[in-house]
């Protein structure tokens, strides 16, 4: 018997868990640190201000997992995260679609 790993389900679980974690922060902490969760361009965008590392506290996850991502969706996610004025990460996984999902270098505010 061969075990089949459902990567889409695992990615959905991870995105939902991080969203729950961010939403569980007390209101005063969410406000003071700008903690927010939003669904943007097929991704879950997790944001906070001043917390490091950016790859954990300011990132978009799940892009290209539930459905194939477009360049326009990636641009939408980047525009949304850019509003923070801080470094952030858009994470992709090896099974994200399309396989040639554009790779961009580190993105820091101007």
PDB file of N, CA and C in Angstrom:
ATOM      1  N   UNK A   1       0.839  -1.182   0.000  1.00  0.00           N
ATOM      2  CA  UNK A   1       0.000   0.000   0.000  1.00  0.00           C
ATOM      3  C   UNK A   1       0.882   1.243   0.000  1.00  0.00           C
ATOM      4  N   UNK A   2       0.561   2.186  -0.839  1.00  0.00           N
ATOM      5  CA  UNK A   2       1.325   3.417  -0.956  1.00  0.00           C
ATOM      6  C   UNK A   2       0.586   4.540  -0.243  1.00  0.00           C
ATOM      7  N   UNK A   3       1.298   5.246   0.623  1.00  0.00           N
ATOM      8  CA  UNK A   3       0.711   6.408   1.283  1.00  0.00           C
ATOM      9  C   UNK A   3       0.770   7.592   0.332  1.00  0.00           C
ATOM     10  N   UNK A   4      -0.337   8.288   0.210  1.00  0.00           N
ATOM     11  CA  UNK A   4      -0.401   9.476  -0.634  1.00  0.00           C
ATOM     12  C   UNK A   4      -0.523  10.678   0.292  1.00  0.00           C
ATOM     13  N   UNK A   5       0.368  11.616   0.109  1.00  0.00           N
ATOM     14  CA  UNK A   5       0.342  12.825   0.932  1.00  0.00           C
ATOM     15  C   UNK A   5      -0.456  13.891   0.188  1.00  0.00           C
ATOM     16  N   UNK A   6      -1.445  14.430   0.836  1.00  0.00           N
ATOM     17  CA  UNK A   6      -2.287  15.471   0.260  1.00  0.00           C
ATOM     18  C   UNK A   6      -1.679  16.830   0.614  1.00  0.00           C
ATOM     19  N   UNK A   7      -0.760  17.291  -0.253  1.00  0.00           N
ATOM     20  CA  UNK A   7      -0.057  18.538   0.015  1.00  0.00           C
ATOM     21  C   UNK A   7      -1.003  19.737   0.047  1.00  0.00           C
ATOM     22  N   UNK A   8      -2.045  19.706  -0.764  1.00  0.00           N
ATOM     23  CA  UNK A   8      -3.002  20.815  -0.761  1.00  0.00           C
ATOM     24  C   UNK A   8      -3.669  20.915   0.610  1.00  0.00           C
ATOM     25  N   UNK A   9      -4.079  19.779   1.152  1.00  0.00           N
ATOM     26  CA  UNK A   9      -4.711  19.780   2.475  1.00  0.00           C
ATOM     27  C   UNK A   9      -3.736  20.248   3.546  1.00  0.00           C
ATOM     28  N   UNK A  10      -2.492  19.781   3.478  1.00  0.00           N
ATOM     29  CA  UNK A  10      -1.491  20.198   4.473  1.00  0.00           C
ATOM     30  C   UNK A  10      -1.234  21.702   4.416  1.00  0.00           C
ATOM     31  N   UNK A  11      -1.140  22.247   3.220  1.00  0.00           N
ATOM     32  CA  UNK A  11      -0.926  23.693   3.083  1.00  0.00           C
ATOM     33  C   UNK A  11      -2.131  24.466   3.608  1.00  0.00           C
ATOM     34  N   UNK A  12      -3.338  23.976   3.345  1.00  0.00           N
ATOM     35  CA  UNK A  12      -4.542  24.640   3.847  1.00  0.00           C
ATOM     36  C   UNK A  12      -4.571  24.619   5.369  1.00  0.00           C
ATOM     37  N   UNK A  13      -4.171  23.508   5.954  1.00  0.00           N
ATOM     38  CA  UNK A  13      -4.117  23.398   7.414  1.00  0.00           C
ATOM     39  C   UNK A  13      -3.104  24.389   7.980  1.00  0.00           C
ATOM     40  N   UNK A  14      -1.933  24.473   7.368  1.00  0.00           N
ATOM     41  CA  UNK A  14      -0.907  25.392   7.860  1.00  0.00           C
ATOM     42  C   UNK A  14      -1.388  26.840   7.774  1.00  0.00           C
ATOM     43  N   UNK A  15      -1.965  27.222   6.635  1.00  0.00           N
ATOM     44  CA  UNK A  15      -2.459  28.597   6.481  1.00  0.00           C
ATOM     45  C   UNK A  15      -3.537  28.905   7.511  1.00  0.00           C
ATOM     46  N   UNK A  16      -4.461  27.970   7.717  1.00  0.00           N
ATOM     47  CA  UNK A  16      -5.533  28.178   8.686  1.00  0.00           C
ATOM     48  C   UNK A  16      -4.980  28.274  10.110  1.00  0.00           C
ATOM     49  N   UNK A  17      -3.979  27.465  10.418  1.00  0.00           N
ATOM     50  CA  UNK A  17      -3.388  27.491  11.768  1.00  0.00           C
ATOM     51  C   UNK A  17      -2.701  28.828  12.035  1.00  0.00           C
ATOM     52  N   UNK A  18      -1.939  29.332  11.057  1.00  0.00           N
ATOM     53  CA  UNK A  18      -1.290  30.630  11.241  1.00  0.00           C
ATOM     54  C   UNK A  18      -2.331  31.738  11.359  1.00  0.00           C
ATOM     55  N   UNK A  19      -3.384  31.682  10.551  1.00  0.00           N
ATOM     56  CA  UNK A  19      -4.442  32.696  10.631  1.00  0.00           C
ATOM     57  C   UNK A  19      -5.088  32.669  12.009  1.00  0.00           C
ATOM     58  N   UNK A  20      -5.366  31.473  12.527  1.00  0.00           N
ATOM     59  CA  UNK A  20      -5.940  31.351  13.874  1.00  0.00           C
ATOM     60  C   UNK A  20      -5.006  31.932  14.930  1.00  0.00           C
ATOM     61  N   UNK A  21      -3.715  31.666  14.795  1.00  0.00           N
ATOM     62  CA  UNK A  21      -2.725  32.184  15.735  1.00  0.00           C
ATOM     63  C   UNK A  21      -2.742  33.713  15.749  1.00  0.00           C
ATOM     64  N   UNK A  22      -2.746  34.329  14.575  1.00  0.00           N
ATOM     65  CA  UNK A  22      -2.761  35.786  14.493  1.00  0.00           C
ATOM     66  C   UNK A  22      -4.054  36.356  15.073  1.00  0.00           C
ATOM     67  N   UNK A  23      -5.174  35.711  14.755  1.00  0.00           N
ATOM     68  CA  UNK A  23      -6.475  36.193  15.250  1.00  0.00           C
ATOM     69  C   UNK A  23      -6.635  35.999  16.752  1.00  0.00           C
ATOM     70  N   UNK A  24      -5.883  35.077  17.336  1.00  0.00           N
ATOM     71  CA  UNK A  24      -5.979  34.802  18.775  1.00  0.00           C
ATOM     72  C   UNK A  24      -5.272  35.849  19.627  1.00  0.00           C
ATOM     73  N   UNK A  25      -4.460  36.687  19.023  1.00  0.00           N
ATOM     74  CA  UNK A  25      -3.774  37.726  19.794  1.00  0.00           C
ATOM     75  C   UNK A  25      -4.808  38.679  20.386  1.00  0.00           C
ATOM     76  N   UNK A  26      -4.598  39.114  21.620  1.00  0.00           N
ATOM     77  CA  UNK A  26      -5.525  40.079  22.228  1.00  0.00           C
ATOM     78  C   UNK A  26      -5.632  41.346  21.376  1.00  0.00           C
ATOM     79  N   UNK A  27      -6.783  41.959  21.408  1.00  0.00           N
ATOM     80  CA  UNK A  27      -7.068  43.122  20.569  1.00  0.00           C
ATOM     81  C   UNK A  27      -6.035  44.229  20.721  1.00  0.00           C
ATOM     82  N   UNK A  28      -5.600  44.512  21.960  1.00  0.00           N
ATOM     83  CA  UNK A  28      -4.633  45.597  22.150  1.00  0.00           C
ATOM     84  C   UNK A  28      -3.282  45.263  21.508  1.00  0.00           C
ATOM     85  N   UNK A  29      -2.897  43.996  21.539  1.00  0.00           N
ATOM     86  CA  UNK A  29      -1.644  43.571  20.894  1.00  0.00           C
ATOM     87  C   UNK A  29      -1.795  43.637  19.379  1.00  0.00           C
ATOM     88  N   UNK A  30      -2.936  43.177  18.858  1.00  0.00           N
ATOM     89  CA  UNK A  30      -3.174  43.240  17.408  1.00  0.00           C
ATOM     90  C   UNK A  30      -3.086  44.680  16.923  1.00  0.00           C
ATOM     91  N   UNK A  31      -3.659  45.592  17.697  1.00  0.00           N
ATOM     92  CA  UNK A  31      -3.632  46.998  17.309  1.00  0.00           C
ATOM     93  C   UNK A  31      -2.229  47.577  17.389  1.00  0.00           C
ATOM     94  N   UNK A  32      -1.533  47.364  18.493  1.00  0.00           N
ATOM     95  CA  UNK A  32      -0.213  47.977  18.660  1.00  0.00           C
ATOM     96  C   UNK A  32       0.827  47.419  17.702  1.00  0.00           C
ATOM     97  N   UNK A  33       0.685  46.161  17.309  1.00  0.00           N
ATOM     98  CA  UNK A  33       1.654  45.555  16.387  1.00  0.00           C
ATOM     99  C   UNK A  33       1.125  45.436  14.959  1.00  0.00           C
ATOM    100  N   UNK A  34      -0.047  45.983  14.705  1.00  0.00           N
ATOM    101  CA  UNK A  34      -0.601  45.942  13.352  1.00  0.00           C
ATOM    102  C   UNK A  34      -0.808  44.522  12.853  1.00  0.00           C
ATOM    103  N   UNK A  35      -1.190  43.615  13.736  1.00  0.00           N
ATOM    104  CA  UNK A  35      -1.380  42.214  13.346  1.00  0.00           C
ATOM    105  C   UNK A  35      -2.663  42.092  12.545  1.00  0.00           C
ATOM    106  N   UNK A  36      -2.542  41.439  11.384  1.00  0.00           N
ATOM    107  CA  UNK A  36      -3.688  41.320  10.488  1.00  0.00           C
ATOM    108  C   UNK A  36      -3.570  40.035   9.678  1.00  0.00           C
ATOM    109  N   UNK A  37      -4.710  39.512   9.281  1.00  0.00           N
ATOM    110  CA  UNK A  37      -4.802  38.348   8.403  1.00  0.00           C
ATOM    111  C   UNK A  37      -5.777  38.704   7.297  1.00  0.00           C
ATOM    112  N   UNK A  38      -5.411  38.416   6.053  1.00  0.00           N
ATOM    113  CA  UNK A  38      -6.310  38.696   4.936  1.00  0.00           C
ATOM    114  C   UNK A  38      -6.112  37.664   3.833  1.00  0.00           C
ATOM    115  N   UNK A  39      -7.184  37.352   3.154  1.00  0.00           N
ATOM    116  CA  UNK A  39      -7.109  36.509   1.960  1.00  0.00           C
ATOM    117  C   UNK A  39      -6.950  37.448   0.766  1.00  0.00           C
ATOM    118  N   UNK A  40      -5.825  37.322   0.070  1.00  0.00           N
ATOM    119  CA  UNK A  40      -5.523  38.211  -1.046  1.00  0.00           C
ATOM    120  C   UNK A  40      -4.939  37.389  -2.197  1.00  0.00           C
ATOM    121  N   UNK A  41      -5.519  37.504  -3.368  1.00  0.00           N
ATOM    122  CA  UNK A  41      -4.950  36.862  -4.548  1.00  0.00           C
ATOM    123  C   UNK A  41      -4.730  35.362  -4.419  1.00  0.00           C
ATOM    124  N   UNK A  42      -5.575  34.682  -3.679  1.00  0.00           N
ATOM    125  CA  UNK A  42      -5.418  33.243  -3.513  1.00  0.00           C
ATOM    126  C   UNK A  42      -4.426  32.845  -2.438  1.00  0.00           C
ATOM    127  N   UNK A  43      -3.934  33.809  -1.682  1.00  0.00           N
ATOM    128  CA  UNK A  43      -2.971  33.543  -0.611  1.00  0.00           C
ATOM    129  C   UNK A  43      -3.537  34.026   0.718  1.00  0.00           C
ATOM    130  N   UNK A  44      -2.970  33.515   1.799  1.00  0.00           N
ATOM    131  CA  UNK A  44      -3.273  34.018   3.136  1.00  0.00           C
ATOM    132  C   UNK A  44      -2.143  34.970   3.504  1.00  0.00           C
ATOM    133  N   UNK A  45      -2.469  36.238   3.683  1.00  0.00           N
ATOM    134  CA  UNK A  45      -1.463  37.242   4.015  1.00  0.00           C
ATOM    135  C   UNK A  45      -1.477  37.486   5.517  1.00  0.00           C
ATOM    136  N   UNK A  46      -0.341  37.265   6.135  1.00  0.00           N
ATOM    137  CA  UNK A  46      -0.149  37.435   7.572  1.00  0.00           C
ATOM    138  C   UNK A  46       0.754  38.640   7.761  1.00  0.00           C
ATOM    139  N   UNK A  47       0.319  39.593   8.529  1.00  0.00           N
ATOM    140  CA  UNK A  47       1.149  40.781   8.683  1.00  0.00           C
ATOM    141  C   UNK A  47       1.204  41.261  10.118  1.00  0.00           C
ATOM    142  N   UNK A  48       2.329  41.862  10.434  1.00  0.00           N
ATOM    143  CA  UNK A  48       2.552  42.509  11.720  1.00  0.00           C
ATOM    144  C   UNK A  48       3.681  43.502  11.519  1.00  0.00           C
ATOM    145  N   UNK A  49       3.743  44.462  12.383  1.00  0.00           N
ATOM    146  CA  UNK A  49       4.765  45.499  12.269  1.00  0.00           C
ATOM    147  C   UNK A  49       5.861  45.281  13.299  1.00  0.00           C
ATOM    148  N   UNK A  50       7.066  45.545  12.911  1.00  0.00           N
ATOM    149  CA  UNK A  50       8.239  45.569  13.783  1.00  0.00           C
ATOM    150  C   UNK A  50       8.687  44.213  14.311  1.00  0.00           C
ATOM    151  N   UNK A  51       7.975  43.139  14.070  1.00  0.00           N
ATOM    152  CA  UNK A  51       8.405  41.834  14.559  1.00  0.00           C
ATOM    153  C   UNK A  51       9.307  41.163  13.536  1.00  0.00           C
ATOM    154  N   UNK A  52      10.301  40.459  14.001  1.00  0.00           N
ATOM    155  CA  UNK A  52      11.238  39.767  13.116  1.00  0.00           C
ATOM    156  C   UNK A  52      11.279  38.295  13.484  1.00  0.00           C
ATOM    157  N   UNK A  53      11.558  37.421  12.578  1.00  0.00           N
ATOM    158  CA  UNK A  53      11.936  37.642  11.179  1.00  0.00           C
ATOM    159  C   UNK A  53      10.704  37.829  10.287  1.00  0.00           C
ATOM    160  N   UNK A  54      10.911  38.567   9.218  1.00  0.00           N
ATOM    161  CA  UNK A  54       9.822  38.854   8.283  1.00  0.00           C
ATOM    162  C   UNK A  54       9.235  37.572   7.695  1.00  0.00           C
ATOM    163  N   UNK A  55      10.055  36.562   7.470  1.00  0.00           N
ATOM    164  CA  UNK A  55       9.570  35.316   6.856  1.00  0.00           C
ATOM    165  C   UNK A  55       8.520  34.616   7.716  1.00  0.00           C
ATOM    166  N   UNK A  56       8.442  34.954   8.981  1.00  0.00           N
ATOM    167  CA  UNK A  56       7.425  34.381   9.859  1.00  0.00           C
ATOM    168  C   UNK A  56       6.304  35.383  10.111  1.00  0.00           C
ATOM    169  N   UNK A  57       6.640  36.625  10.399  1.00  0.00           N
ATOM    170  CA  UNK A  57       5.655  37.598  10.862  1.00  0.00           C
ATOM    171  C   UNK A  57       5.033  38.459   9.769  1.00  0.00           C
ATOM    172  N   UNK A  58       5.619  38.481   8.590  1.00  0.00           N
ATOM    173  CA  UNK A  58       5.048  39.214   7.453  1.00  0.00           C
ATOM    174  C   UNK A  58       5.240  38.346   6.221  1.00  0.00           C
ATOM    175  N   UNK A  59       4.223  37.515   5.968  1.00  0.00           N
ATOM    176  CA  UNK A  59       4.366  36.625   4.821  1.00  0.00           C
ATOM    177  C   UNK A  59       3.012  36.274   4.237  1.00  0.00           C
ATOM    178  N   UNK A  60       3.063  35.878   2.996  1.00  0.00           N
ATOM    179  CA  UNK A  60       1.888  35.367   2.308  1.00  0.00           C
ATOM    180  C   UNK A  60       2.153  33.892   2.047  1.00  0.00           C
ATOM    181  N   UNK A  61       1.211  33.049   2.401  1.00  0.00           N
ATOM    182  CA  UNK A  61       1.389  31.612   2.198  1.00  0.00           C
ATOM    183  C   UNK A  61       0.195  31.051   1.430  1.00  0.00           C
ATOM    184  N   UNK A  62       0.398  29.906   0.833  1.00  0.00           N
ATOM    185  CA  UNK A  62      -0.671  29.216   0.125  1.00  0.00           C
ATOM    186  C   UNK A  62      -0.872  29.628  -1.317  1.00  0.00           C
ATOM    187  N   UNK A  63      -0.056  30.545  -1.831  1.00  0.00           N
ATOM    188  CA  UNK A  63      -0.215  31.002  -3.210  1.00  0.00           C
ATOM    189  C   UNK A  63       0.042  29.842  -4.168  1.00  0.00           C
ATOM    190  N   UNK A  64      -0.893  29.592  -5.069  1.00  0.00           N
ATOM    191  CA  UNK A  64      -0.731  28.539  -6.062  1.00  0.00           C
ATOM    192  C   UNK A  64      -1.016  27.139  -5.552  1.00  0.00           C
ATOM    193  N   UNK A  65      -1.586  27.026  -4.358  1.00  0.00           N
ATOM    194  CA  UNK A  65      -1.834  25.704  -3.788  1.00  0.00           C
ATOM    195  C   UNK A  65      -3.263  25.241  -4.084  1.00  0.00           C
ATOM    196  N   UNK A  66      -4.257  26.038  -3.739  1.00  0.00           N
ATOM    197  CA  UNK A  66      -5.652  25.642  -3.988  1.00  0.00           C
ATOM    198  C   UNK A  66      -5.979  25.650  -5.477  1.00  0.00           C
ATOM    199  N   UNK A  67      -5.385  26.581  -6.198  1.00  0.00           N
ATOM    200  CA  UNK A  67      -5.565  26.672  -7.648  1.00  0.00           C
ATOM    201  C   UNK A  67      -4.329  27.342  -8.222  1.00  0.00           C
ATOM    202  N   UNK A  68      -4.168  27.200  -9.514  1.00  0.00           N
ATOM    203  CA  UNK A  68      -2.996  27.758 -10.176  1.00  0.00           C
ATOM    204  C   UNK A  68      -2.959  29.275 -10.004  1.00  0.00           C
ATOM    205  N   UNK A  69      -1.804  29.795  -9.640  1.00  0.00           N
ATOM    206  CA  UNK A  69      -1.647  31.239  -9.412  1.00  0.00           C
ATOM    207  C   UNK A  69      -1.222  31.933 -10.704  1.00  0.00           C
ATOM    208  N   UNK A  70      -1.649  33.146 -10.843  1.00  0.00           N
ATOM    209  CA  UNK A  70      -1.269  33.948 -12.007  1.00  0.00           C
ATOM    210  C   UNK A  70      -0.281  35.031 -11.581  1.00  0.00           C
ATOM    211  N   UNK A  71       0.370  35.604 -12.547  1.00  0.00           N
ATOM    212  CA  UNK A  71       1.266  36.738 -12.289  1.00  0.00           C
ATOM    213  C   UNK A  71       0.475  37.883 -11.665  1.00  0.00           C
ATOM    214  N   UNK A  72      -0.771  38.077 -12.106  1.00  0.00           N
ATOM    215  CA  UNK A  72      -1.616  39.140 -11.556  1.00  0.00           C
ATOM    216  C   UNK A  72      -1.916  38.894 -10.076  1.00  0.00           C
ATOM    217  N   UNK A  73      -2.147  37.641  -9.690  1.00  0.00           N
ATOM    218  CA  UNK A  73      -2.382  37.334  -8.276  1.00  0.00           C
ATOM    219  C   UNK A  73      -1.132  37.606  -7.453  1.00  0.00           C
ATOM    220  N   UNK A  74       0.016  37.211  -7.966  1.00  0.00           N
ATOM    221  CA  UNK A  74       1.270  37.489  -7.265  1.00  0.00           C
ATOM    222  C   UNK A  74       1.461  38.992  -7.099  1.00  0.00           C
ATOM    223  N   UNK A  75       1.188  39.744  -8.153  1.00  0.00           N
ATOM    224  CA  UNK A  75       1.293  41.208  -8.069  1.00  0.00           C
ATOM    225  C   UNK A  75       0.336  41.778  -7.023  1.00  0.00           C
ATOM    226  N   UNK A  76      -0.889  41.227  -6.954  1.00  0.00           N
ATOM    227  CA  UNK A  76      -1.875  41.683  -5.967  1.00  0.00           C
ATOM    228  C   UNK A  76      -1.376  41.435  -4.535  1.00  0.00           C
ATOM    229  N   UNK A  77      -0.801  40.266  -4.323  1.00  0.00           N
ATOM    230  CA  UNK A  77      -0.254  39.937  -3.000  1.00  0.00           C
ATOM    231  C   UNK A  77       0.894  40.883  -2.654  1.00  0.00           C
ATOM    232  N   UNK A  78       1.784  41.118  -3.595  1.00  0.00           N
ATOM    233  CA  UNK A  78       2.934  42.004  -3.353  1.00  0.00           C
ATOM    234  C   UNK A  78       2.452  43.424  -3.052  1.00  0.00           C
ATOM    235  N   UNK A  79       1.486  43.916  -3.805  1.00  0.00           N
ATOM    236  CA  UNK A  79       0.942  45.268  -3.531  1.00  0.00           C
ATOM    237  C   UNK A  79       0.341  45.339  -2.130  1.00  0.00           C
ATOM    238  N   UNK A  80      -0.402  44.306  -1.752  1.00  0.00           N
ATOM    239  CA  UNK A  80      -1.020  44.290  -0.431  1.00  0.00           C
ATOM    240  C   UNK A  80       0.046  44.313   0.669  1.00  0.00           C
ATOM    241  N   UNK A  81       1.063  43.473   0.531  1.00  0.00           N
ATOM    242  CA  UNK A  81       2.102  43.402   1.552  1.00  0.00           C
ATOM    243  C   UNK A  81       2.983  44.655   1.554  1.00  0.00           C
ATOM    244  N   UNK A  82       3.169  45.266   0.403  1.00  0.00           N
ATOM    245  CA  UNK A  82       3.970  46.493   0.296  1.00  0.00           C
ATOM    246  C   UNK A  82       3.428  47.612   1.183  1.00  0.00           C
ATOM    247  N   UNK A  83       2.128  47.615   1.415  1.00  0.00           N
ATOM    248  CA  UNK A  83       1.513  48.696   2.197  1.00  0.00           C
ATOM    249  C   UNK A  83       2.069  48.768   3.609  1.00  0.00           C
ATOM    250  N   UNK A  84       2.691  47.681   4.071  1.00  0.00           N
ATOM    251  CA  UNK A  84       3.256  47.660   5.422  1.00  0.00           C
ATOM    252  C   UNK A  84       4.503  48.525   5.544  1.00  0.00           C
ATOM    253  N   UNK A  85       5.197  48.714   4.420  1.00  0.00           N
ATOM    254  CA  UNK A  85       6.429  49.487   4.457  1.00  0.00           C
ATOM    255  C   UNK A  85       7.570  48.750   5.137  1.00  0.00           C
ATOM    256  N   UNK A  86       7.471  47.424   5.210  1.00  0.00           N
ATOM    257  CA  UNK A  86       8.503  46.602   5.835  1.00  0.00           C
ATOM    258  C   UNK A  86       8.804  45.397   4.944  1.00  0.00           C
ATOM    259  N   UNK A  87       9.929  44.770   5.191  1.00  0.00           N
ATOM    260  CA  UNK A  87      10.301  43.568   4.456  1.00  0.00           C
ATOM    261  C   UNK A  87       9.267  42.470   4.721  1.00  0.00           C
ATOM    262  N   UNK A  88       8.989  41.668   3.694  1.00  0.00           N
ATOM    263  CA  UNK A  88       8.049  40.562   3.827  1.00  0.00           C
ATOM    264  C   UNK A  88       8.473  39.432   2.905  1.00  0.00           C
ATOM    265  N   UNK A  89       7.808  38.299   3.047  1.00  0.00           N
ATOM    266  CA  UNK A  89       8.098  37.139   2.201  1.00  0.00           C
ATOM    267  C   UNK A  89       6.797  36.607   1.606  1.00  0.00           C
ATOM    268  N   UNK A  90       6.881  36.156   0.375  1.00  0.00           N
ATOM    269  CA  UNK A  90       5.790  35.417  -0.248  1.00  0.00           C
ATOM    270  C   UNK A  90       6.341  34.020  -0.433  1.00  0.00           C
ATOM    271  N   UNK A  91       5.846  33.090   0.372  1.00  0.00           N
ATOM    272  CA  UNK A  91       6.391  31.739   0.330  1.00  0.00           C
ATOM    273  C   UNK A  91       5.622  30.896  -0.684  1.00  0.00           C
ATOM    274  N   UNK A  92       6.361  30.072  -1.387  1.00  0.00           N
ATOM    275  CA  UNK A  92       5.743  29.092  -2.277  1.00  0.00           C
ATOM    276  C   UNK A  92       6.330  27.731  -1.934  1.00  0.00           C
ATOM    277  N   UNK A  93       5.637  26.728  -2.335  1.00  0.00           N
ATOM    278  CA  UNK A  93       6.061  25.363  -2.050  1.00  0.00           C
ATOM    279  C   UNK A  93       6.311  24.643  -3.373  1.00  0.00           C
ATOM    280  N   UNK A  94       7.088  23.562  -3.352  1.00  0.00           N
ATOM    281  CA  UNK A  94       7.431  22.885  -4.605  1.00  0.00           C
ATOM    282  C   UNK A  94       6.233  22.422  -5.430  1.00  0.00           C
ATOM    283  N   UNK A  95       5.113  22.152  -4.812  1.00  0.00           N
ATOM    284  CA  UNK A  95       3.956  21.675  -5.563  1.00  0.00           C
ATOM    285  C   UNK A  95       2.979  22.801  -5.934  1.00  0.00           C
ATOM    286  N   UNK A  96       3.355  24.066  -5.691  1.00  0.00           N
ATOM    287  CA  UNK A  96       2.504  25.188  -6.084  1.00  0.00           C
ATOM    288  C   UNK A  96       2.392  25.217  -7.609  1.00  0.00           C
ATOM    289  N   UNK A  97       1.281  25.724  -8.068  1.00  0.00           N
ATOM    290  CA  UNK A  97       1.031  25.806  -9.506  1.00  0.00           C
ATOM    291  C   UNK A  97       0.947  27.265  -9.935  1.00  0.00           C
ATOM    292  N   UNK A  98       1.409  27.633 -11.082  1.00  0.00           N
ATOM    293  CA  UNK A  98       2.094  26.761 -12.025  1.00  0.00           C
ATOM    294  C   UNK A  98       3.509  26.468 -11.561  1.00  0.00           C
ATOM    295  N   UNK A  99       4.111  25.414 -12.093  1.00  0.00           N
ATOM    296  CA  UNK A  99       5.479  25.072 -11.672  1.00  0.00           C
ATOM    297  C   UNK A  99       6.461  26.219 -11.893  1.00  0.00           C
ATOM    298  N   UNK A 100       6.182  27.059 -12.860  1.00  0.00           N
ATOM    299  CA  UNK A 100       7.073  28.187 -13.164  1.00  0.00           C
ATOM    300  C   UNK A 100       6.608  29.464 -12.483  1.00  0.00           C
ATOM    301  N   UNK A 101       5.919  29.325 -11.337  1.00  0.00           N
ATOM    302  CA  UNK A 101       5.488  30.502 -10.589  1.00  0.00           C
ATOM    303  C   UNK A 101       6.705  31.399 -10.416  1.00  0.00           C
ATOM    304  N   UNK A 102       6.611  32.641 -10.814  1.00  0.00           N
ATOM    305  CA  UNK A 102       7.792  33.494 -10.813  1.00  0.00           C
ATOM    306  C   UNK A 102       8.482  33.577  -9.448  1.00  0.00           C
ATOM    307  N   UNK A 103       9.781  33.510  -9.485  1.00  0.00           N
ATOM    308  CA  UNK A 103      10.578  33.671  -8.281  1.00  0.00           C
ATOM    309  C   UNK A 103      11.125  35.084  -8.307  1.00  0.00           C
ATOM    310  N   UNK A 104      10.925  35.774  -7.216  1.00  0.00           N
ATOM    311  CA  UNK A 104      11.441  37.130  -7.107  1.00  0.00           C
ATOM    312  C   UNK A 104      12.372  37.187  -5.921  1.00  0.00           C
ATOM    313  N   UNK A 105      13.320  38.062  -5.967  1.00  0.00           N
ATOM    314  CA  UNK A 105      14.258  38.203  -4.867  1.00  0.00           C
ATOM    315  C   UNK A 105      13.622  38.865  -3.672  1.00  0.00           C
ATOM    316  N   UNK A 106      14.422  39.079  -2.663  1.00  0.00           N
ATOM    317  CA  UNK A 106      13.961  39.726  -1.438  1.00  0.00           C
ATOM    318  C   UNK A 106      13.306  41.046  -1.784  1.00  0.00           C
ATOM    319  N   UNK A 107      12.271  41.372  -1.073  1.00  0.00           N
ATOM    320  CA  UNK A 107      11.547  42.605  -1.323  1.00  0.00           C
ATOM    321  C   UNK A 107      11.569  43.452  -0.068  1.00  0.00           C
ATOM    322  N   UNK A 108      12.171  44.608  -0.162  1.00  0.00           N
ATOM    323  CA  UNK A 108      12.238  45.527   0.966  1.00  0.00           C
ATOM    324  C   UNK A 108      11.548  46.821   0.566  1.00  0.00           C
ATOM    325  N   UNK A 109      11.019  47.544   1.527  1.00  0.00           N
ATOM    326  CA  UNK A 109      10.374  48.811   1.209  1.00  0.00           C
ATOM    327  C   UNK A 109      11.368  49.793   0.624  1.00  0.00           C
ATOM    328  N   UNK A 110      10.867  50.661  -0.216  1.00  0.00           N
ATOM    329  CA  UNK A 110      11.716  51.676  -0.873  1.00  0.00           C
ATOM    330  C   UNK A 110      12.263  52.648   0.147  1.00  0.00           C
TER     331      UNK A 110
END
